[in-house]
Amino acid sequence: MKFLITGAAGFIGFHVGQRLLSLGHEVVGIDNLNDYYDVNLKLARLALLEEQAQFRFVKMDLADRDGISKLFEDGRFQRVIHLGAQAGVRYSLDNPHAYAESNLSGHLNILEGCRHNSIEHLLYASSSSVYGLNRKLPFSTDDSVDHPVSLYAATKKANELMSHTYSHLFNLPTTGLRFFTVYGPWGRPDMALFKFTKAITEGRSIDVYNHGDMRRDFTYIDDIVESIVRLQNVIPTADPLWTVETGTPATSSAPYKVYNIGNSQPVRLMEYIEAIENALGKVATKNLLPMQPGDVMETSADTSALYKVIGFKPQTSVADGVQRFVDWYKDFYR
């Protein structure tokens, strides 16, 4: 099949692109290659994708309404995996307009492209951050997510609502993917694993928020990719018997679904740091700091709905996943 992947030079987009190409699919990838983090890392990912004859790259911003429209008209895509967005909780505190342009206007442009070009299935990245002030664990897609604590989270919740509208009005099958703290080789430099590994390697201290008293459902990249590749074949269908009163927020009378993709085994932040120390053979100097605005104490994914439809659930251990990242980091940065 022919896929469009947005954010193709990004962490998850790169890995998904590699997997689809290995399965023999044709992939067109777009990315604006912005400087939110090191562009050279994005270019290195892109260079690996461009080694495949079935891959074509288009540099484009999601907010480019006319450009996205023409891309869809010319592309004749069958399915779209929308992973491009302005990422980061803390960055959204100081740069809110970047999120409106990329995550709201950009998402709308993708929905319009799908609507007018008979796309079979749109999968798009949401986030575990939509759970916000929720305290019931594990987080379930059956639960309400009406109290986000960052603008980033609010835009991801908005993406789910916008997608439902298009599923309802235009019968566009959409699937939202609530990712839980994705990590692994080729990961983002703004994420804890990359920042901690770099600092410890260079002999600098690491900033540990809330004095390390947090738990995260760390999910290894290969498990994320496996889930996405399986889900792209699980196309939502309309359910005329569904009602708001008897259904769940993750389902609908429209061809619309939302899934958690997480490891379902939350790990204390200090244990995560210990795994990095073990992989590097060095002990970190820790700078203990208070909780950051927009952060949550704990994340944990209920992935029962995911397992039910694809027969797979993420399971890579933090020890194994962190070791693979550190091995990649040492090799990539010599």
Protein backbone atom coordinates (compact mmCIF):
# COMPACT_ATOMS: atom_id res chain seq x y z
CA MET A 1 0.00 0.00 0.00
CA LYS A 2 0.92 3.64 -0.19
CA PHE A 3 1.27 5.48 3.13
CA LEU A 4 1.73 9.10 4.10
CA ILE A 5 3.68 9.56 7.33
CA THR A 6 3.81 13.02 8.88
CA GLY A 7 6.75 13.77 11.15
CA ALA A 8 8.79 11.24 9.17
CA ALA A 9 12.11 12.64 10.40
CA GLY A 10 10.90 12.49 13.99
CA PHE A 11 11.57 9.75 16.52
CA ILE A 12 8.43 7.63 16.10
CA GLY A 13 7.82 8.57 12.45
CA PHE A 14 11.30 7.41 11.47
CA HIS A 15 10.87 4.01 13.12
CA VAL A 16 7.38 3.50 11.66
CA GLY A 17 8.68 4.45 8.22
CA GLN A 18 11.50 1.92 8.46
CA ARG A 19 9.09 -0.82 9.47
CA LEU A 20 6.56 -0.12 6.70
CA LEU A 21 9.34 0.00 4.09
CA SER A 22 10.69 -3.34 5.33
CA LEU A 23 7.21 -4.80 4.75
CA GLY A 24 7.27 -3.65 1.12
CA HIS A 25 4.97 -0.63 1.36
CA GLU A 26 5.50 2.68 -0.41
CA VAL A 27 5.99 5.62 1.95
CA VAL A 28 5.88 9.37 1.43
CA GLY A 29 7.19 11.20 4.46
CA ILE A 30 6.80 14.86 5.32
CA ASP A 31 8.51 16.94 8.01
CA ASN A 32 9.30 20.62 8.40
CA LEU A 33 12.72 19.82 9.97
CA ASN A 34 12.32 22.59 12.55
CA ASP A 35 15.01 23.33 15.12
CA TYR A 36 13.04 22.38 18.24
CA TYR A 37 15.93 19.96 18.71
CA ASP A 38 19.12 19.09 16.78
CA VAL A 39 18.27 19.09 13.06
CA ASN A 40 21.31 16.92 12.35
CA LEU A 41 19.67 14.05 14.23
CA LYS A 42 16.56 14.43 12.08
CA LEU A 43 18.67 14.50 8.92
CA ALA A 44 20.52 11.35 10.00
CA ARG A 45 17.21 9.52 10.47
CA LEU A 46 16.02 10.82 7.12
CA ALA A 47 19.19 9.66 5.36
CA LEU A 48 18.47 6.08 6.43
CA LEU A 49 14.91 6.26 5.10
CA GLU A 50 16.07 7.74 1.81
CA GLU A 51 18.27 4.71 1.21
CA GLN A 52 15.04 2.86 0.35
CA ALA A 53 13.72 3.25 -3.20
CA GLN A 54 10.12 3.09 -1.96
CA PHE A 55 10.54 6.20 0.19
CA ARG A 56 10.09 9.81 -0.89
CA PHE A 57 10.59 12.84 1.34
CA VAL A 58 8.77 16.17 1.08
CA LYS A 59 9.83 19.05 3.30
CA MET A 60 6.59 20.68 4.36
CA ASP A 61 4.95 22.32 7.36
CA LEU A 62 1.66 20.86 8.60
CA ALA A 63 0.25 24.39 8.81
CA ASP A 64 0.79 24.89 5.03
CA ARG A 65 -2.84 24.51 4.05
CA ASP A 66 -2.38 24.70 0.29
CA GLY A 67 0.74 22.55 0.33
CA ILE A 68 -0.94 19.77 2.34
CA SER A 69 -3.99 19.90 0.08
CA LYS A 70 -1.89 19.49 -3.07
CA LEU A 71 0.20 16.75 -1.44
CA PHE A 72 -2.96 14.71 -0.85
CA GLU A 73 -4.34 15.38 -4.33
CA ASP A 74 -1.11 14.25 -6.01
CA GLY A 75 -0.19 11.51 -3.56
CA ARG A 76 -3.10 9.09 -3.93
CA PHE A 77 -2.41 7.67 -0.49
CA GLN A 78 -4.42 4.80 0.90
CA ARG A 79 -3.61 5.29 4.56
CA VAL A 80 -2.18 8.11 6.68
CA ILE A 81 -0.16 7.85 9.88
CA HIS A 82 -0.10 11.33 11.37
CA LEU A 83 2.79 11.60 13.86
CA GLY A 84 3.96 15.15 13.14
CA ALA A 85 3.30 17.69 15.89
CA GLN A 86 4.94 20.20 18.15
CA ALA A 87 6.00 18.00 21.04
CA GLY A 88 6.94 18.69 24.64
CA VAL A 89 5.03 19.66 27.76
CA ARG A 90 7.51 22.18 29.18
CA TYR A 91 8.11 23.90 25.82
CA SER A 92 4.38 24.62 25.60
CA LEU A 93 4.60 26.84 28.69
CA ASP A 94 6.70 29.41 26.83
CA ASN A 95 5.79 28.80 23.19
CA PRO A 96 2.02 28.24 23.09
CA HIS A 97 1.45 29.52 19.56
CA ALA A 98 3.71 26.83 18.10
CA TYR A 99 1.19 24.26 19.37
CA ALA A 100 -1.81 26.04 17.88
CA GLU A 101 -0.16 26.19 14.46
CA SER A 102 1.18 22.63 14.31
CA ASN A 103 -1.16 20.61 16.51
CA LEU A 104 -4.46 22.35 15.76
CA SER A 105 -4.20 23.94 12.31
CA GLY A 106 -1.88 21.16 11.16
CA HIS A 107 -4.21 18.43 12.37
CA LEU A 108 -7.15 20.11 10.66
CA ASN A 109 -5.22 20.22 7.37
CA ILE A 110 -4.55 16.47 7.63
CA LEU A 111 -8.22 15.76 8.37
CA GLU A 112 -9.26 17.83 5.35
CA GLY A 113 -6.76 16.00 3.15
CA CYS A 114 -8.15 12.65 4.30
CA ARG A 115 -11.75 13.78 3.87
CA HIS A 116 -11.35 14.93 0.28
CA ASN A 117 -9.16 12.07 -0.92
CA SER A 118 -10.92 8.90 0.22
CA ILE A 119 -8.30 7.84 2.79
CA GLU A 120 -9.05 4.34 4.08
CA HIS A 121 -7.75 4.95 7.59
CA LEU A 122 -6.16 7.82 9.54
CA LEU A 123 -4.06 6.93 12.58
CA TYR A 124 -2.83 9.90 14.59
CA ALA A 125 -0.68 10.50 17.66
CA SER A 126 -2.43 11.50 20.83
CA SER A 127 -0.71 11.33 24.23
CA SER A 128 -1.00 9.95 27.74
CA SER A 129 -0.81 13.58 28.85
CA VAL A 130 -4.55 13.93 28.04
CA TYR A 131 -5.28 12.17 31.33
CA GLY A 132 -4.14 15.31 33.19
CA LEU A 133 -5.60 15.44 36.68
CA ASN A 134 -7.00 11.89 36.51
CA ARG A 135 -5.97 9.90 39.58
CA LYS A 136 -7.57 6.49 38.95
CA LEU A 137 -4.88 4.08 37.79
CA PRO A 138 -4.25 2.54 35.39
CA PHE A 139 -5.48 5.18 32.95
CA SER A 140 -8.28 3.76 30.83
CA THR A 141 -9.73 4.97 27.56
CA ASP A 142 -13.11 4.41 29.23
CA ASP A 143 -12.37 7.38 31.51
CA SER A 144 -13.14 11.05 30.91
CA VAL A 145 -10.14 13.21 29.98
CA ASP A 146 -11.50 16.70 30.48
CA HIS A 147 -8.83 18.16 32.79
CA PRO A 148 -5.47 18.50 30.99
CA VAL A 149 -2.66 20.32 32.83
CA SER A 150 -0.64 21.61 29.87
CA LEU A 151 -1.46 23.27 26.56
CA TYR A 152 0.29 20.37 24.79
CA ALA A 153 -2.15 17.94 26.42
CA ALA A 154 -5.08 20.20 25.55
CA THR A 155 -4.12 20.19 21.86
CA LYS A 156 -3.94 16.38 21.89
CA LYS A 157 -7.39 16.16 23.46
CA ALA A 158 -8.57 18.61 20.79
CA ASN A 159 -7.11 16.34 18.09
CA GLU A 160 -9.27 13.48 19.36
CA LEU A 161 -12.38 15.67 19.32
CA MET A 162 -11.62 17.03 15.85
CA SER A 163 -11.07 13.50 14.54
CA HIS A 164 -14.35 12.30 15.99
CA THR A 165 -16.15 15.15 14.22
CA TYR A 166 -14.71 14.08 10.86
CA SER A 167 -15.48 10.44 11.54
CA HIS A 168 -19.07 11.41 12.33
CA LEU A 169 -19.65 13.92 9.52
CA PHE A 170 -17.68 12.30 6.70
CA ASN A 171 -17.44 8.63 7.70
CA LEU A 172 -13.65 8.93 7.89
CA PRO A 173 -12.16 6.03 9.91
CA THR A 174 -9.84 7.50 12.55
CA THR A 175 -7.78 5.88 15.30
CA GLY A 176 -6.15 7.92 18.09
CA LEU A 177 -2.98 6.58 19.72
CA ARG A 178 -2.32 7.66 23.30
CA PHE A 179 1.43 7.05 23.61
CA PHE A 180 2.98 6.59 27.06
CA THR A 181 6.55 8.00 27.44
CA VAL A 182 8.20 6.51 24.36
CA TYR A 183 11.96 5.86 24.50
CA GLY A 184 14.67 4.00 22.60
CA PRO A 185 17.39 4.39 19.94
CA TRP A 186 17.15 7.58 17.85
CA GLY A 187 15.09 9.15 20.66
CA ARG A 188 14.49 12.87 21.13
CA PRO A 189 17.19 14.96 22.87
CA ASP A 190 14.54 16.75 24.97
CA MET A 191 13.43 13.49 26.62
CA ALA A 192 14.77 12.35 29.99
CA LEU A 193 16.68 9.30 28.71
CA PHE A 194 18.67 11.30 26.15
CA LYS A 195 19.31 14.24 28.51
CA PHE A 196 20.39 11.99 31.38
CA THR A 197 22.63 9.82 29.21
CA LYS A 198 24.33 12.88 27.68
CA ALA A 199 24.88 14.58 31.02
CA ILE A 200 26.18 11.49 32.81
CA THR A 201 28.51 10.70 29.90
CA GLU A 202 29.89 14.25 30.04
CA GLY A 203 30.26 14.20 33.84
CA ARG A 204 27.52 16.76 34.48
CA SER A 205 24.72 16.58 37.04
CA ILE A 206 21.17 15.70 36.02
CA ASP A 207 18.00 17.59 37.00
CA VAL A 208 15.56 15.26 38.77
CA TYR A 209 12.13 16.82 39.22
CA ASN A 210 9.89 16.28 42.24
CA HIS A 211 12.97 14.78 43.93
CA GLY A 212 12.49 11.69 41.77
CA ASP A 213 9.13 10.88 43.34
CA MET A 214 7.35 10.12 40.06
CA ARG A 215 6.41 7.00 38.14
CA ARG A 216 6.18 6.69 34.37
CA ASP A 217 4.87 4.02 32.04
CA PHE A 218 8.01 3.95 29.86
CA THR A 219 7.26 2.28 26.50
CA TYR A 220 9.99 1.03 24.17
CA ILE A 221 9.90 2.25 20.57
CA ASP A 222 9.74 -1.21 18.95
CA ASP A 223 6.59 -1.97 20.95
CA ILE A 224 5.06 1.30 19.79
CA VAL A 225 5.86 0.51 16.15
CA GLU A 226 4.50 -3.03 16.39
CA SER A 227 1.24 -1.68 17.80
CA ILE A 228 0.91 0.96 15.07
CA VAL A 229 1.63 -1.46 12.22
CA ARG A 230 -0.96 -3.90 13.54
CA LEU A 231 -3.56 -1.20 14.23
CA GLN A 232 -3.37 0.29 10.74
CA ASN A 233 -5.11 -2.88 9.56
CA VAL A 234 -7.83 -2.58 12.23
CA ILE A 235 -10.07 -0.04 10.53
CA PRO A 236 -12.88 1.32 12.76
CA THR A 237 -16.44 0.84 11.55
CA ALA A 238 -19.63 2.66 12.44
CA ASP A 239 -21.74 1.21 15.26
CA PRO A 240 -25.37 2.32 14.92
CA LEU A 241 -26.24 0.77 18.31
CA TRP A 242 -23.69 2.91 20.21
CA THR A 243 -24.99 5.71 22.44
CA VAL A 244 -23.27 8.22 24.72
CA GLU A 245 -25.13 6.71 27.67
CA THR A 246 -24.07 3.10 27.05
CA GLY A 247 -20.77 3.51 25.18
CA THR A 248 -17.30 4.70 26.20
CA PRO A 249 -15.39 7.89 25.26
CA ALA A 250 -12.97 5.79 23.18
CA THR A 251 -15.73 4.47 20.90
CA SER A 252 -18.59 5.95 18.93
CA SER A 253 -21.46 5.41 16.55
CA ALA A 254 -18.95 6.82 14.02
CA PRO A 255 -15.89 4.89 12.70
CA TYR A 256 -13.73 6.20 15.54
CA LYS A 257 -11.47 4.57 18.14
CA VAL A 258 -8.86 5.61 20.70
CA TYR A 259 -6.28 3.25 22.25
CA ASN A 260 -3.64 3.45 24.96
CA ILE A 261 -0.20 2.24 23.88
CA GLY A 262 1.90 1.73 26.99
CA ASN A 263 3.97 -0.88 28.78
CA SER A 264 1.49 -1.14 31.68
CA GLN A 265 4.38 -1.50 34.15
CA PRO A 266 5.10 1.94 35.66
CA VAL A 267 8.67 2.47 36.86
CA ARG A 268 9.91 4.91 39.49
CA LEU A 269 12.02 7.68 38.00
CA MET A 270 14.92 6.73 40.28
CA GLU A 271 14.79 3.15 38.98
CA TYR A 272 14.92 4.49 35.43
CA ILE A 273 17.97 6.57 36.30
CA GLU A 274 19.55 3.51 37.91
CA ALA A 275 19.04 1.57 34.65
CA ILE A 276 20.88 4.36 32.78
CA GLU A 277 23.70 4.32 35.33
CA ASN A 278 24.04 0.55 34.99
CA ALA A 279 24.11 0.75 31.18
CA LEU A 280 26.77 3.48 31.27
CA GLY A 281 28.76 2.10 34.19
CA LYS A 282 28.69 5.55 35.81
CA VAL A 283 26.79 6.99 38.76
CA ALA A 284 24.88 10.24 38.17
CA THR A 285 25.18 13.36 40.29
CA LYS A 286 21.55 14.28 40.92
CA ASN A 287 20.22 17.81 41.23
CA LEU A 288 16.91 17.29 43.07
CA LEU A 289 14.27 19.87 42.09
CA PRO A 290 10.56 20.52 42.80
CA MET A 291 7.72 19.43 40.52
CA GLN A 292 7.54 21.25 37.18
CA PRO A 293 4.32 22.93 36.00
CA GLY A 294 2.42 20.68 33.57
CA ASP A 295 3.90 17.43 34.95
CA VAL A 296 1.87 14.63 36.51
CA MET A 297 2.89 12.32 39.36
CA GLU A 298 2.26 8.98 37.69
CA THR A 299 1.19 7.42 34.40
CA SER A 300 0.02 3.87 33.86
CA ALA A 301 -1.73 2.47 30.80
CA ASP A 302 -4.66 0.09 30.68
CA THR A 303 -3.97 -1.63 27.34
CA SER A 304 -6.68 -4.30 27.53
CA ALA A 305 -8.59 -2.77 24.60
CA LEU A 306 -5.42 -2.71 22.50
CA TYR A 307 -4.63 -6.35 23.25
CA LYS A 308 -8.17 -7.37 22.41
CA VAL A 309 -7.94 -6.08 18.83
CA ILE A 310 -4.30 -6.80 17.91
CA GLY A 311 -3.26 -9.62 20.26
CA PHE A 312 -0.14 -7.72 21.29
CA LYS A 313 0.88 -5.61 24.24
CA PRO A 314 4.15 -3.73 24.81
CA GLN A 315 6.46 -5.69 27.09
CA THR A 316 10.12 -4.65 26.62
CA SER A 317 11.71 -4.15 30.05
CA VAL A 318 13.27 -0.82 31.00
CA ALA A 319 16.63 -2.53 31.61
CA ASP A 320 16.70 -3.93 28.07
CA GLY A 321 15.31 -0.81 26.41
CA VAL A 322 17.68 1.58 28.16
CA GLN A 323 20.67 -0.63 27.34
CA ARG A 324 19.73 -0.57 23.63
CA PHE A 325 19.45 3.22 23.72
CA VAL A 326 22.82 3.63 25.43
CA ASP A 327 24.45 1.28 22.90
CA TRP A 328 22.98 3.38 20.07
CA TYR A 329 24.01 6.65 21.74
CA LYS A 330 27.62 5.54 22.16
CA ASP A 331 27.79 4.39 18.55
CA PHE A 332 26.06 7.43 17.02
CA TYR A 333 28.05 10.00 18.99
CA ARG A 334 31.28 7.98 18.91
